[in-house]
PDB file of N, CA and C in Angstrom:
ATOM      1  N   GLU A   1      24.112  -8.468  20.332  1.00  0.00           N
ATOM      2  CA  GLU A   1      24.871  -8.441  19.092  1.00  0.00           C
ATOM      3  C   GLU A   1      23.941  -8.652  17.887  1.00  0.00           C
ATOM      4  N   THR A   2      22.985  -9.563  18.038  1.00  0.00           N
ATOM      5  CA  THR A   2      22.030  -9.811  16.955  1.00  0.00           C
ATOM      6  C   THR A   2      21.154  -8.591  16.720  1.00  0.00           C
ATOM      7  N   LEU A   3      20.717  -7.943  17.792  1.00  0.00           N
ATOM      8  CA  LEU A   3      19.908  -6.737  17.667  1.00  0.00           C
ATOM      9  C   LEU A   3      20.676  -5.659  16.899  1.00  0.00           C
ATOM     10  N   ALA A   4      21.950  -5.499  17.191  1.00  0.00           N
ATOM     11  CA  ALA A   4      22.775  -4.527  16.465  1.00  0.00           C
ATOM     12  C   ALA A   4      22.864  -4.905  15.000  1.00  0.00           C
ATOM     13  N   ASP A   5      23.022  -6.170  14.723  1.00  0.00           N
ATOM     14  CA  ASP A   5      23.160  -6.629  13.351  1.00  0.00           C
ATOM     15  C   ASP A   5      21.903  -6.340  12.521  1.00  0.00           C
ATOM     16  N   ILE A   6      20.735  -6.645  13.050  1.00  0.00           N
ATOM     17  CA  ILE A   6      19.517  -6.478  12.248  1.00  0.00           C
ATOM     18  C   ILE A   6      18.987  -5.051  12.241  1.00  0.00           C
ATOM     19  N   THR A   7      19.387  -4.231  13.209  1.00  0.00           N
ATOM     20  CA  THR A   7      18.921  -2.841  13.213  1.00  0.00           C
ATOM     21  C   THR A   7      19.964  -1.872  12.664  1.00  0.00           C
ATOM     22  N   GLY A   8      21.173  -2.370  12.351  1.00  0.00           N
ATOM     23  CA  GLY A   8      22.202  -1.520  11.767  1.00  0.00           C
ATOM     24  C   GLY A   8      22.938  -0.647  12.756  1.00  0.00           C
ATOM     25  N   LYS A   9      22.889  -1.012  14.027  1.00  0.00           N
ATOM     26  CA  LYS A   9      23.616  -0.248  15.044  1.00  0.00           C
ATOM     27  C   LYS A   9      24.992  -0.851  15.263  1.00  0.00           C
ATOM     28  N   LYS A  10      25.811  -0.155  15.997  1.00  0.00           N
ATOM     29  CA  LYS A  10      27.158  -0.622  16.325  1.00  0.00           C
ATOM     30  C   LYS A  10      27.100  -1.444  17.613  1.00  0.00           C
ATOM     31  N   TYR A  11      28.013  -2.414  17.723  1.00  0.00           N
ATOM     32  CA  TYR A  11      28.091  -3.262  18.901  1.00  0.00           C
ATOM     33  C   TYR A  11      29.552  -3.437  19.288  1.00  0.00           C
ATOM     34  N   ASP A  12      29.865  -3.212  20.547  1.00  0.00           N
ATOM     35  CA  ASP A  12      31.217  -3.397  21.067  1.00  0.00           C
ATOM     36  C   ASP A  12      31.265  -4.757  21.757  1.00  0.00           C
ATOM     37  N   LYS A  13      31.924  -5.745  21.117  1.00  0.00           N
ATOM     38  CA  LYS A  13      31.977  -7.106  21.666  1.00  0.00           C
ATOM     39  C   LYS A  13      32.718  -7.166  22.989  1.00  0.00           C
ATOM     40  N   THR A  14      33.771  -6.373  23.126  1.00  0.00           N
ATOM     41  CA  THR A  14      34.567  -6.398  24.351  1.00  0.00           C
ATOM     42  C   THR A  14      33.744  -5.957  25.555  1.00  0.00           C
ATOM     43  N   ALA A  15      32.997  -4.879  25.385  1.00  0.00           N
ATOM     44  CA  ALA A  15      32.184  -4.346  26.481  1.00  0.00           C
ATOM     45  C   ALA A  15      30.801  -4.979  26.537  1.00  0.00           C
ATOM     46  N   GLY A  16      30.403  -5.678  25.464  1.00  0.00           N
ATOM     47  CA  GLY A  16      29.052  -6.228  25.404  1.00  0.00           C
ATOM     48  C   GLY A  16      28.009  -5.131  25.356  1.00  0.00           C
ATOM     49  N   ALA A  17      28.338  -4.052  24.626  1.00  0.00           N
ATOM     50  CA  ALA A  17      27.480  -2.868  24.639  1.00  0.00           C
ATOM     51  C   ALA A  17      26.921  -2.555  23.256  1.00  0.00           C
ATOM     52  N   LEU A  18      25.626  -2.268  23.219  1.00  0.00           N
ATOM     53  CA  LEU A  18      24.964  -1.779  22.019  1.00  0.00           C
ATOM     54  C   LEU A  18      25.151  -0.268  22.000  1.00  0.00           C
ATOM     55  N   ILE A  19      25.742   0.261  20.937  1.00  0.00           N
ATOM     56  CA  ILE A  19      26.006   1.691  20.845  1.00  0.00           C
ATOM     57  C   ILE A  19      24.815   2.361  20.173  1.00  0.00           C
ATOM     58  N   ASP A  20      24.138   3.221  20.924  1.00  0.00           N
ATOM     59  CA  ASP A  20      22.956   3.899  20.403  1.00  0.00           C
ATOM     60  C   ASP A  20      23.401   5.167  19.690  1.00  0.00           C
ATOM     61  N   GLY A  21      23.211   5.204  18.385  1.00  0.00           N
ATOM     62  CA  GLY A  21      23.618   6.358  17.587  1.00  0.00           C
ATOM     63  C   GLY A  21      23.069   6.209  16.187  1.00  0.00           C
ATOM     64  N   VAL A  22      23.710   6.862  15.249  1.00  0.00           N
ATOM     65  CA  VAL A  22      23.277   6.781  13.862  1.00  0.00           C
ATOM     66  C   VAL A  22      23.402   5.340  13.402  1.00  0.00           C
ATOM     67  N   ARG A  23      22.404   4.874  12.666  1.00  0.00           N
ATOM     68  CA  ARG A  23      22.427   3.486  12.223  1.00  0.00           C
ATOM     69  C   ARG A  23      22.553   3.387  10.710  1.00  0.00           C
ATOM     70  N   GLU A  24      23.032   2.249  10.268  1.00  0.00           N
ATOM     71  CA  GLU A  24      23.102   1.923   8.851  1.00  0.00           C
ATOM     72  C   GLU A  24      21.864   1.082   8.534  1.00  0.00           C
ATOM     73  N   VAL A  25      21.000   1.584   7.661  1.00  0.00           N
ATOM     74  CA  VAL A  25      19.789   0.836   7.324  1.00  0.00           C
ATOM     75  C   VAL A  25      20.180  -0.413   6.546  1.00  0.00           C
ATOM     76  N   ARG A  26      19.714  -1.555   7.006  1.00  0.00           N
ATOM     77  CA  ARG A  26      19.999  -2.832   6.369  1.00  0.00           C
ATOM     78  C   ARG A  26      18.697  -3.469   5.926  1.00  0.00           C
ATOM     79  N   TYR A  27      18.769  -4.174   4.808  1.00  0.00           N
ATOM     80  CA  TYR A  27      17.588  -4.834   4.258  1.00  0.00           C
ATOM     81  C   TYR A  27      17.738  -6.345   4.371  1.00  0.00           C
ATOM     82  N   PHE A  28      16.629  -7.010   4.652  1.00  0.00           N
ATOM     83  CA  PHE A  28      16.622  -8.450   4.851  1.00  0.00           C
ATOM     84  C   PHE A  28      15.464  -9.087   4.099  1.00  0.00           C
ATOM     85  N   ALA A  29      15.643 -10.349   3.756  1.00  0.00           N
ATOM     86  CA  ALA A  29      14.537 -11.194   3.320  1.00  0.00           C
ATOM     87  C   ALA A  29      14.201 -12.071   4.521  1.00  0.00           C
ATOM     88  N   ILE A  30      12.921 -12.231   4.811  1.00  0.00           N
ATOM     89  CA  ILE A  30      12.536 -13.104   5.919  1.00  0.00           C
ATOM     90  C   ILE A  30      11.515 -14.120   5.444  1.00  0.00           C
ATOM     91  N   GLY A  31      11.597 -15.305   6.016  1.00  0.00           N
ATOM     92  CA  GLY A  31      10.647 -16.364   5.732  1.00  0.00           C
ATOM     93  C   GLY A  31       9.921 -16.741   7.011  1.00  0.00           C
ATOM     94  N   TYR A  32       8.652 -17.057   6.872  1.00  0.00           N
ATOM     95  CA  TYR A  32       7.871 -17.473   8.035  1.00  0.00           C
ATOM     96  C   TYR A  32       6.689 -18.318   7.562  1.00  0.00           C
ATOM     97  N   ARG A  33       5.976 -18.913   8.507  1.00  0.00           N
ATOM     98  CA  ARG A  33       4.769 -19.651   8.162  1.00  0.00           C
ATOM     99  C   ARG A  33       3.654 -19.252   9.108  1.00  0.00           C
ATOM    100  N   THR A  34       2.433 -19.325   8.607  1.00  0.00           N
ATOM    101  CA  THR A  34       1.256 -19.053   9.419  1.00  0.00           C
ATOM    102  C   THR A  34       0.344 -20.268   9.357  1.00  0.00           C
ATOM    103  N   LYS A  35      -0.353 -20.516  10.448  1.00  0.00           N
ATOM    104  CA  LYS A  35      -1.215 -21.689  10.534  1.00  0.00           C
ATOM    105  C   LYS A  35      -2.668 -21.276  10.433  1.00  0.00           C
ATOM    106  N   GLY A  36      -3.389 -21.900   9.511  1.00  0.00           N
ATOM    107  CA  GLY A  36      -4.813 -21.628   9.344  1.00  0.00           C
ATOM    108  C   GLY A  36      -5.636 -22.323  10.410  1.00  0.00           C
ATOM    109  N   THR A  37      -6.894 -21.981  10.488  1.00  0.00           N
ATOM    110  CA  THR A  37      -7.780 -22.597  11.479  1.00  0.00           C
ATOM    111  C   THR A  37      -7.990 -24.083  11.208  1.00  0.00           C
ATOM    112  N   ASP A  38      -7.702 -24.534   9.977  1.00  0.00           N
ATOM    113  CA  ASP A  38      -7.832 -25.948   9.640  1.00  0.00           C
ATOM    114  C   ASP A  38      -6.550 -26.734   9.917  1.00  0.00           C
ATOM    115  N   GLY A  39      -5.534 -26.063  10.477  1.00  0.00           N
ATOM    116  CA  GLY A  39      -4.279 -26.729  10.824  1.00  0.00           C
ATOM    117  C   GLY A  39      -3.255 -26.759   9.702  1.00  0.00           C
ATOM    118  N   GLU A  40      -3.626 -26.305   8.507  1.00  0.00           N
ATOM    119  CA  GLU A  40      -2.688 -26.260   7.380  1.00  0.00           C
ATOM    120  C   GLU A  40      -1.918 -24.944   7.394  1.00  0.00           C
ATOM    121  N   TYR A  41      -0.773 -24.935   6.704  1.00  0.00           N
ATOM    122  CA  TYR A  41       0.121 -23.785   6.750  1.00  0.00           C
ATOM    123  C   TYR A  41       0.222 -23.052   5.429  1.00  0.00           C
ATOM    124  N   ARG A  42       0.554 -21.778   5.539  1.00  0.00           N
ATOM    125  CA  ARG A  42       0.981 -20.941   4.412  1.00  0.00           C
ATOM    126  C   ARG A  42       2.425 -20.565   4.699  1.00  0.00           C
ATOM    127  N   TYR A  43       3.289 -20.785   3.739  1.00  0.00           N
ATOM    128  CA  TYR A  43       4.706 -20.455   3.858  1.00  0.00           C
ATOM    129  C   TYR A  43       4.972 -19.189   3.055  1.00  0.00           C
ATOM    130  N   VAL A  44       5.708 -18.245   3.651  1.00  0.00           N
ATOM    131  CA  VAL A  44       5.870 -16.929   3.048  1.00  0.00           C
ATOM    132  C   VAL A  44       7.332 -16.500   3.053  1.00  0.00           C
ATOM    133  N   TRP A  45       7.762 -15.896   1.942  1.00  0.00           N
ATOM    134  CA  TRP A  45       9.038 -15.172   1.878  1.00  0.00           C
ATOM    135  C   TRP A  45       8.716 -13.723   1.557  1.00  0.00           C
ATOM    136  N   ARG A  46       9.218 -12.798   2.345  1.00  0.00           N
ATOM    137  CA  ARG A  46       9.157 -11.359   2.056  1.00  0.00           C
ATOM    138  C   ARG A  46      10.568 -10.964   1.646  1.00  0.00           C
ATOM    139  N   TYR A  47      10.701 -10.358   0.463  1.00  0.00           N
ATOM    140  CA  TYR A  47      12.019 -10.190  -0.143  1.00  0.00           C
ATOM    141  C   TYR A  47      12.830  -9.003   0.314  1.00  0.00           C
ATOM    142  N   LYS A  48      12.201  -7.953   0.773  1.00  0.00           N
ATOM    143  CA  LYS A  48      12.983  -6.793   1.183  1.00  0.00           C
ATOM    144  C   LYS A  48      12.255  -6.084   2.310  1.00  0.00           C
ATOM    145  N   GLY A  49      12.970  -5.825   3.378  1.00  0.00           N
ATOM    146  CA  GLY A  49      12.372  -5.108   4.490  1.00  0.00           C
ATOM    147  C   GLY A  49      13.417  -4.709   5.503  1.00  0.00           C
ATOM    148  N   THR A  50      12.997  -3.899   6.445  1.00  0.00           N
ATOM    149  CA  THR A  50      13.890  -3.426   7.501  1.00  0.00           C
ATOM    150  C   THR A  50      13.244  -3.671   8.859  1.00  0.00           C
ATOM    151  N   PHE A  51      14.099  -3.742   9.862  1.00  0.00           N
ATOM    152  CA  PHE A  51      13.633  -3.846  11.237  1.00  0.00           C
ATOM    153  C   PHE A  51      13.714  -2.469  11.884  1.00  0.00           C
ATOM    154  N   ALA A  52      12.649  -2.071  12.561  1.00  0.00           N
ATOM    155  CA  ALA A  52      12.632  -0.804  13.278  1.00  0.00           C
ATOM    156  C   ALA A  52      13.399  -0.944  14.583  1.00  0.00           C
ATOM    157  N   ILE A  53      13.871   0.166  15.102  1.00  0.00           N
ATOM    158  CA  ILE A  53      14.517   0.179  16.416  1.00  0.00           C
ATOM    159  C   ILE A  53      13.419  -0.072  17.450  1.00  0.00           C
ATOM    160  N   PRO A  54      13.568  -1.096  18.285  1.00  0.00           N
ATOM    161  CA  PRO A  54      12.493  -1.403  19.240  1.00  0.00           C
ATOM    162  C   PRO A  54      12.430  -0.396  20.389  1.00  0.00           C
ATOM    163  N   ASP A  55      11.212  -0.144  20.852  1.00  0.00           N
ATOM    164  CA  ASP A  55      11.008   0.678  22.043  1.00  0.00           C
ATOM    165  C   ASP A  55      11.066  -0.218  23.265  1.00  0.00           C
ATOM    166  N   GLU A  56      11.510   0.352  24.347  1.00  0.00           N
ATOM    167  CA  GLU A  56      11.545  -0.399  25.606  1.00  0.00           C
ATOM    168  C   GLU A  56      11.311   0.580  26.744  1.00  0.00           C
ATOM    169  N   THR A  57      10.432   0.193  27.665  1.00  0.00           N
ATOM    170  CA  THR A  57      10.218   1.005  28.857  1.00  0.00           C
ATOM    171  C   THR A  57      10.381   0.111  30.076  1.00  0.00           C
ATOM    172  N   SER A  58      10.783   0.724  31.161  1.00  0.00           N
ATOM    173  CA  SER A  58      10.900  -0.033  32.410  1.00  0.00           C
ATOM    174  C   SER A  58      10.679   0.905  33.585  1.00  0.00           C
ATOM    175  N   LYS A  59      10.281   0.306  34.698  1.00  0.00           N
ATOM    176  CA  LYS A  59      10.047   1.055  35.934  1.00  0.00           C
ATOM    177  C   LYS A  59      10.826   0.334  37.029  1.00  0.00           C
ATOM    178  N   THR A  60      11.737   1.048  37.683  1.00  0.00           N
ATOM    179  CA  THR A  60      12.586   0.400  38.688  1.00  0.00           C
ATOM    180  C   THR A  60      12.600   1.118  40.034  1.00  0.00           C
ATOM    181  N   GLU A  61      11.758   2.139  40.187  1.00  0.00           N
ATOM    182  CA  GLU A  61      11.820   2.918  41.422  1.00  0.00           C
ATOM    183  C   GLU A  61      10.771   2.497  42.444  1.00  0.00           C
ATOM    184  N   ASP A  62      10.444   1.218  42.465  1.00  0.00           N
ATOM    185  CA  ASP A  62       9.542   0.706  43.491  1.00  0.00           C
ATOM    186  C   ASP A  62      10.144  -0.594  44.018  1.00  0.00           C
ATOM    187  N   ASP A  63       9.358  -1.459  44.600  1.00  0.00           N
ATOM    188  CA  ASP A  63       9.881  -2.692  45.187  1.00  0.00           C
ATOM    189  C   ASP A  63      10.189  -3.772  44.155  1.00  0.00           C
ATOM    190  N   GLY A  64       9.909  -3.521  42.891  1.00  0.00           N
ATOM    191  CA  GLY A  64      10.151  -4.518  41.859  1.00  0.00           C
ATOM    192  C   GLY A  64      10.712  -3.860  40.612  1.00  0.00           C
ATOM    193  N   THR A  65      10.797  -4.667  39.591  1.00  0.00           N
ATOM    194  CA  THR A  65      11.240  -4.156  38.292  1.00  0.00           C
ATOM    195  C   THR A  65      10.239  -4.595  37.248  1.00  0.00           C
ATOM    196  N   ASP A  66       9.606  -3.633  36.598  1.00  0.00           N
ATOM    197  CA  ASP A  66       8.656  -3.920  35.534  1.00  0.00           C
ATOM    198  C   ASP A  66       9.275  -3.506  34.208  1.00  0.00           C
ATOM    199  N   SER A  67       9.246  -4.401  33.238  1.00  0.00           N
ATOM    200  CA  SER A  67       9.774  -4.096  31.918  1.00  0.00           C
ATOM    201  C   SER A  67       8.830  -4.672  30.878  1.00  0.00           C
ATOM    202  N   ASP A  68       8.638  -3.933  29.786  1.00  0.00           N
ATOM    203  CA  ASP A  68       7.780  -4.457  28.728  1.00  0.00           C
ATOM    204  C   ASP A  68       8.598  -5.182  27.661  1.00  0.00           C
ATOM    205  N   ASN A  69       9.869  -5.391  27.931  1.00  0.00           N
ATOM    206  CA  ASN A  69      10.779  -6.056  26.997  1.00  0.00           C
ATOM    207  C   ASN A  69      10.824  -5.304  25.674  1.00  0.00           C
ATOM    208  N   GLN A  70      11.191  -5.981  24.612  1.00  0.00           N
ATOM    209  CA  GLN A  70      11.297  -5.324  23.320  1.00  0.00           C
ATOM    210  C   GLN A  70      10.512  -6.092  22.279  1.00  0.00           C
ATOM    211  N   GLU A  71       9.980  -5.363  21.321  1.00  0.00           N
ATOM    212  CA  GLU A  71       9.256  -5.977  20.216  1.00  0.00           C
ATOM    213  C   GLU A  71       9.838  -5.444  18.916  1.00  0.00           C
ATOM    214  N   LEU A  72      10.268  -6.364  18.054  1.00  0.00           N
ATOM    215  CA  LEU A  72      10.825  -5.965  16.768  1.00  0.00           C
ATOM    216  C   LEU A  72       9.723  -5.892  15.720  1.00  0.00           C
ATOM    217  N   THR A  73       9.740  -4.841  14.924  1.00  0.00           N
ATOM    218  CA  THR A  73       8.773  -4.693  13.845  1.00  0.00           C
ATOM    219  C   THR A  73       9.516  -4.737  12.519  1.00  0.00           C
ATOM    220  N   PHE A  74       9.073  -5.629  11.629  1.00  0.00           N
ATOM    221  CA  PHE A  74       9.643  -5.748  10.293  1.00  0.00           C
ATOM    222  C   PHE A  74       8.680  -5.098   9.318  1.00  0.00           C
ATOM    223  N   THR A  75       9.181  -4.184   8.503  1.00  0.00           N
ATOM    224  CA  THR A  75       8.360  -3.517   7.508  1.00  0.00           C
ATOM    225  C   THR A  75       8.820  -3.938   6.122  1.00  0.00           C
ATOM    226  N   GLY A  76       7.928  -4.586   5.381  1.00  0.00           N
ATOM    227  CA  GLY A  76       8.231  -5.019   4.029  1.00  0.00           C
ATOM    228  C   GLY A  76       8.189  -3.851   3.053  1.00  0.00           C
ATOM    229  N   ILE A  77       9.113  -3.861   2.118  1.00  0.00           N
ATOM    230  CA  ILE A  77       9.242  -2.804   1.121  1.00  0.00           C
ATOM    231  C   ILE A  77       9.202  -3.452  -0.256  1.00  0.00           C
ATOM    232  N   SER A  78       8.536  -2.822  -1.198  1.00  0.00           N
ATOM    233  CA  SER A  78       8.535  -3.356  -2.568  1.00  0.00           C
ATOM    234  C   SER A  78       9.942  -3.259  -3.147  1.00  0.00           C
ATOM    235  N   THR A  79      10.414  -4.353  -3.691  1.00  0.00           N
ATOM    236  CA  THR A  79      11.726  -4.348  -4.317  1.00  0.00           C
ATOM    237  C   THR A  79      11.595  -3.940  -5.783  1.00  0.00           C
ATOM    238  N   THR A  80      12.611  -3.342  -6.326  1.00  0.00           N
ATOM    239  CA  THR A  80      12.596  -2.971  -7.740  1.00  0.00           C
ATOM    240  C   THR A  80      13.231  -4.067  -8.592  1.00  0.00           C
ATOM    241  N   HIS A  81      13.716  -5.128  -7.933  1.00  0.00           N
ATOM    242  CA  HIS A  81      14.319  -6.233  -8.673  1.00  0.00           C
ATOM    243  C   HIS A  81      13.251  -6.889  -9.555  1.00  0.00           C
ATOM    244  N   GLU A  82      13.605  -7.178 -10.782  1.00  0.00           N
ATOM    245  CA  GLU A  82      12.687  -7.836 -11.709  1.00  0.00           C
ATOM    246  C   GLU A  82      12.988  -9.329 -11.755  1.00  0.00           C
ATOM    247  N   PHE A  83      12.068 -10.127 -11.252  1.00  0.00           N
ATOM    248  CA  PHE A  83      12.212 -11.573 -11.345  1.00  0.00           C
ATOM    249  C   PHE A  83      11.752 -12.001 -12.730  1.00  0.00           C
ATOM    250  N   GLY A  84      12.482 -12.901 -13.349  1.00  0.00           N
ATOM    251  CA  GLY A  84      12.145 -13.344 -14.701  1.00  0.00           C
ATOM    252  C   GLY A  84      10.767 -13.959 -14.800  1.00  0.00           C
ATOM    253  N   ALA A  85      10.362 -14.666 -13.751  1.00  0.00           N
ATOM    254  CA  ALA A  85       9.088 -15.378 -13.792  1.00  0.00           C
ATOM    255  C   ALA A  85       7.880 -14.479 -13.539  1.00  0.00           C
ATOM    256  N   SER A  86       8.093 -13.320 -12.888  1.00  0.00           N
ATOM    257  CA  SER A  86       6.913 -12.545 -12.496  1.00  0.00           C
ATOM    258  C   SER A  86       7.108 -11.040 -12.468  1.00  0.00           C
ATOM    259  N   GLY A  87       8.280 -10.524 -12.783  1.00  0.00           N
ATOM    260  CA  GLY A  87       8.528  -9.087 -12.648  1.00  0.00           C
ATOM    261  C   GLY A  87       8.817  -8.739 -11.205  1.00  0.00           C
ATOM    262  N   ALA A  88       8.579  -7.499 -10.811  1.00  0.00           N
ATOM    263  CA  ALA A  88       8.831  -7.056  -9.440  1.00  0.00           C
ATOM    264  C   ALA A  88       7.744  -7.607  -8.517  1.00  0.00           C
ATOM    265  N   CYS A  89       8.097  -7.971  -7.306  1.00  0.00           N
ATOM    266  CA  CYS A  89       7.114  -8.438  -6.327  1.00  0.00           C
ATOM    267  C   CYS A  89       7.667  -8.255  -4.918  1.00  0.00           C
ATOM    268  N   LYS A  90       6.788  -8.302  -3.926  1.00  0.00           N
ATOM    269  CA  LYS A  90       7.187  -8.152  -2.531  1.00  0.00           C
ATOM    270  C   LYS A  90       7.460  -9.483  -1.856  1.00  0.00           C
ATOM    271  N   GLY A  91       6.811 -10.535  -2.329  1.00  0.00           N
ATOM    272  CA  GLY A  91       6.964 -11.798  -1.639  1.00  0.00           C
ATOM    273  C   GLY A  91       6.378 -12.959  -2.403  1.00  0.00           C
ATOM    274  N   LEU A  92       6.470 -14.120  -1.775  1.00  0.00           N
ATOM    275  CA  LEU A  92       5.980 -15.364  -2.358  1.00  0.00           C
ATOM    276  C   LEU A  92       5.226 -16.116  -1.270  1.00  0.00           C
ATOM    277  N   VAL A  93       4.057 -16.657  -1.600  1.00  0.00           N
ATOM    278  CA  VAL A  93       3.253 -17.410  -0.632  1.00  0.00           C
ATOM    279  C   VAL A  93       2.940 -18.781  -1.215  1.00  0.00           C
ATOM    280  N   ILE A  94       3.222 -19.820  -0.442  1.00  0.00           N
ATOM    281  CA  ILE A  94       2.843 -21.178  -0.823  1.00  0.00           C
ATOM    282  C   ILE A  94       1.847 -21.669   0.218  1.00  0.00           C
ATOM    283  N   ASP A  95       0.667 -22.011  -0.231  1.00  0.00           N
ATOM    284  CA  ASP A  95      -0.391 -22.485   0.650  1.00  0.00           C
ATOM    285  C   ASP A  95      -0.464 -24.000   0.491  1.00  0.00           C
ATOM    286  N   THR A  96      -0.165 -24.743   1.541  1.00  0.00           N
ATOM    287  CA  THR A  96      -0.134 -26.206   1.451  1.00  0.00           C
ATOM    288  C   THR A  96      -1.506 -26.805   1.178  1.00  0.00           C
ATOM    289  N   ARG A  97      -2.582 -26.055   1.405  1.00  0.00           N
ATOM    290  CA  ARG A  97      -3.930 -26.547   1.085  1.00  0.00           C
ATOM    291  C   ARG A  97      -4.164 -26.587  -0.423  1.00  0.00           C
ATOM    292  N   LYS A  98      -3.451 -25.756  -1.159  1.00  0.00           N
ATOM    293  CA  LYS A  98      -3.723 -25.594  -2.589  1.00  0.00           C
ATOM    294  C   LYS A  98      -2.998 -26.595  -3.475  1.00  0.00           C
ATOM    295  N   ASN A  99      -1.743 -26.917  -3.121  1.00  0.00           N
ATOM    296  CA  ASN A  99      -0.983 -27.709  -4.084  1.00  0.00           C
ATOM    297  C   ASN A  99      -0.145 -28.837  -3.479  1.00  0.00           C
ATOM    298  N   GLY A 100      -0.172 -29.000  -2.190  1.00  0.00           N
ATOM    299  CA  GLY A 100       0.591 -30.081  -1.575  1.00  0.00           C
ATOM    300  C   GLY A 100       2.087 -29.986  -1.790  1.00  0.00           C
ATOM    301  N   LYS A 101       2.607 -28.795  -2.034  1.00  0.00           N
ATOM    302  CA  LYS A 101       4.034 -28.575  -2.278  1.00  0.00           C
ATOM    303  C   LYS A 101       4.852 -29.103  -1.097  1.00  0.00           C
ATOM    304  N   ASP A 102       5.974 -29.768  -1.411  1.00  0.00           N
ATOM    305  CA  ASP A 102       6.890 -30.232  -0.372  1.00  0.00           C
ATOM    306  C   ASP A 102       7.649 -29.030   0.165  1.00  0.00           C
ATOM    307  N   VAL A 103       7.410 -28.673   1.414  1.00  0.00           N
ATOM    308  CA  VAL A 103       8.031 -27.492   2.007  1.00  0.00           C
ATOM    309  C   VAL A 103       9.117 -27.857   3.016  1.00  0.00           C
ATOM    310  N   ALA A 104       9.619 -29.081   2.949  1.00  0.00           N
ATOM    311  CA  ALA A 104      10.632 -29.544   3.902  1.00  0.00           C
ATOM    312  C   ALA A 104      11.892 -28.680   3.886  1.00  0.00           C
ATOM    313  N   THR A 105      12.241 -28.128   2.735  1.00  0.00           N
ATOM    314  CA  THR A 105      13.454 -27.309   2.637  1.00  0.00           C
ATOM    315  C   THR A 105      13.124 -25.836   2.379  1.00  0.00           C
ATOM    316  N   PHE A 106      11.906 -25.415   2.682  1.00  0.00           N
ATOM    317  CA  PHE A 106      11.461 -24.057   2.382  1.00  0.00           C
ATOM    318  C   PHE A 106      12.383 -22.994   2.985  1.00  0.00           C
ATOM    319  N   PHE A 107      12.867 -23.201   4.197  1.00  0.00           N
ATOM    320  CA  PHE A 107      13.688 -22.195   4.870  1.00  0.00           C
ATOM    321  C   PHE A 107      15.188 -22.396   4.657  1.00  0.00           C
ATOM    322  N   SER A 108      15.594 -23.342   3.833  1.00  0.00           N
ATOM    323  CA  SER A 108      17.015 -23.592   3.582  1.00  0.00           C
ATOM    324  C   SER A 108      17.673 -22.455   2.821  1.00  0.00           C
ATOM    325  N   THR A 109      16.925 -21.828   1.930  1.00  0.00           N
ATOM    326  CA  THR A 109      17.413 -20.707   1.130  1.00  0.00           C
ATOM    327  C   THR A 109      16.221 -19.854   0.737  1.00  0.00           C
ATOM    328  N   VAL A 110      16.456 -18.603   0.415  1.00  0.00           N
ATOM    329  CA  VAL A 110      15.352 -17.734   0.019  1.00  0.00           C
ATOM    330  C   VAL A 110      14.781 -18.247  -1.297  1.00  0.00           C
ATOM    331  N   LEU A 111      13.504 -18.593  -1.278  1.00  0.00           N
ATOM    332  CA  LEU A 111      12.825 -19.090  -2.468  1.00  0.00           C
ATOM    333  C   LEU A 111      12.225 -17.907  -3.218  1.00  0.00           C
ATOM    334  N   THR A 112      12.631 -17.730  -4.472  1.00  0.00           N
ATOM    335  CA  THR A 112      12.119 -16.635  -5.293  1.00  0.00           C
ATOM    336  C   THR A 112      11.292 -17.206  -6.447  1.00  0.00           C
ATOM    337  N   PRO A 113      10.510 -16.370  -7.125  1.00  0.00           N
ATOM    338  CA  PRO A 113       9.744 -16.873  -8.264  1.00  0.00           C
ATOM    339  C   PRO A 113      10.642 -17.541  -9.322  1.00  0.00           C
ATOM    340  N   ASP A 114      11.864 -17.044  -9.473  1.00  0.00           N
ATOM    341  CA  ASP A 114      12.776 -17.638 -10.458  1.00  0.00           C
ATOM    342  C   ASP A 114      13.249 -19.029 -10.075  1.00  0.00           C
ATOM    343  N   LYS A 115      13.138 -19.385  -8.796  1.00  0.00           N
ATOM    344  CA  LYS A 115      13.584 -20.700  -8.325  1.00  0.00           C
ATOM    345  C   LYS A 115      12.452 -21.717  -8.274  1.00  0.00           C
ATOM    346  N   LEU A 116      11.226 -21.294  -8.590  1.00  0.00           N
ATOM    347  CA  LEU A 116      10.097 -22.228  -8.567  1.00  0.00           C
ATOM    348  C   LEU A 116      10.225 -23.258  -9.678  1.00  0.00           C
ATOM    349  N   THR A 117       9.793 -24.467  -9.370  1.00  0.00           N
ATOM    350  CA  THR A 117       9.745 -25.517 -10.385  1.00  0.00           C
ATOM    351  C   THR A 117       8.333 -26.085 -10.400  1.00  0.00           C
ATOM    352  N   GLU A 118       7.977 -26.690 -11.484  1.00  0.00           N
ATOM    353  CA  GLU A 118       6.635 -27.270 -11.609  1.00  0.00           C
ATOM    354  C   GLU A 118       6.441 -28.350 -10.580  1.00  0.00           C
TER     355      GLU A 118
END
């Protein structure tokens, strides 16, 4: 159901089936963090992007079942939205090494340049 939601496909809850057909392209903002070699983090918001339909292959005609599972790819897109603080942008990065920003609530809501405070 989640895969259908983020890829814009249809999902039949009664049958538990993902309907493979024409999809509705949906845009998302995603937040994540990356860890540097020094153990400190960079926190990132990407404001607009889409998830690609994942590929999946499997082999079942032998004594076992081999599957490569699925991998989701998110592609960031430049937004045309103009933020008051900075104009148009793709994302926001806070590096905890640079300013000691409190990031305890970073993922509570999408943080935009307009929501930054000193």
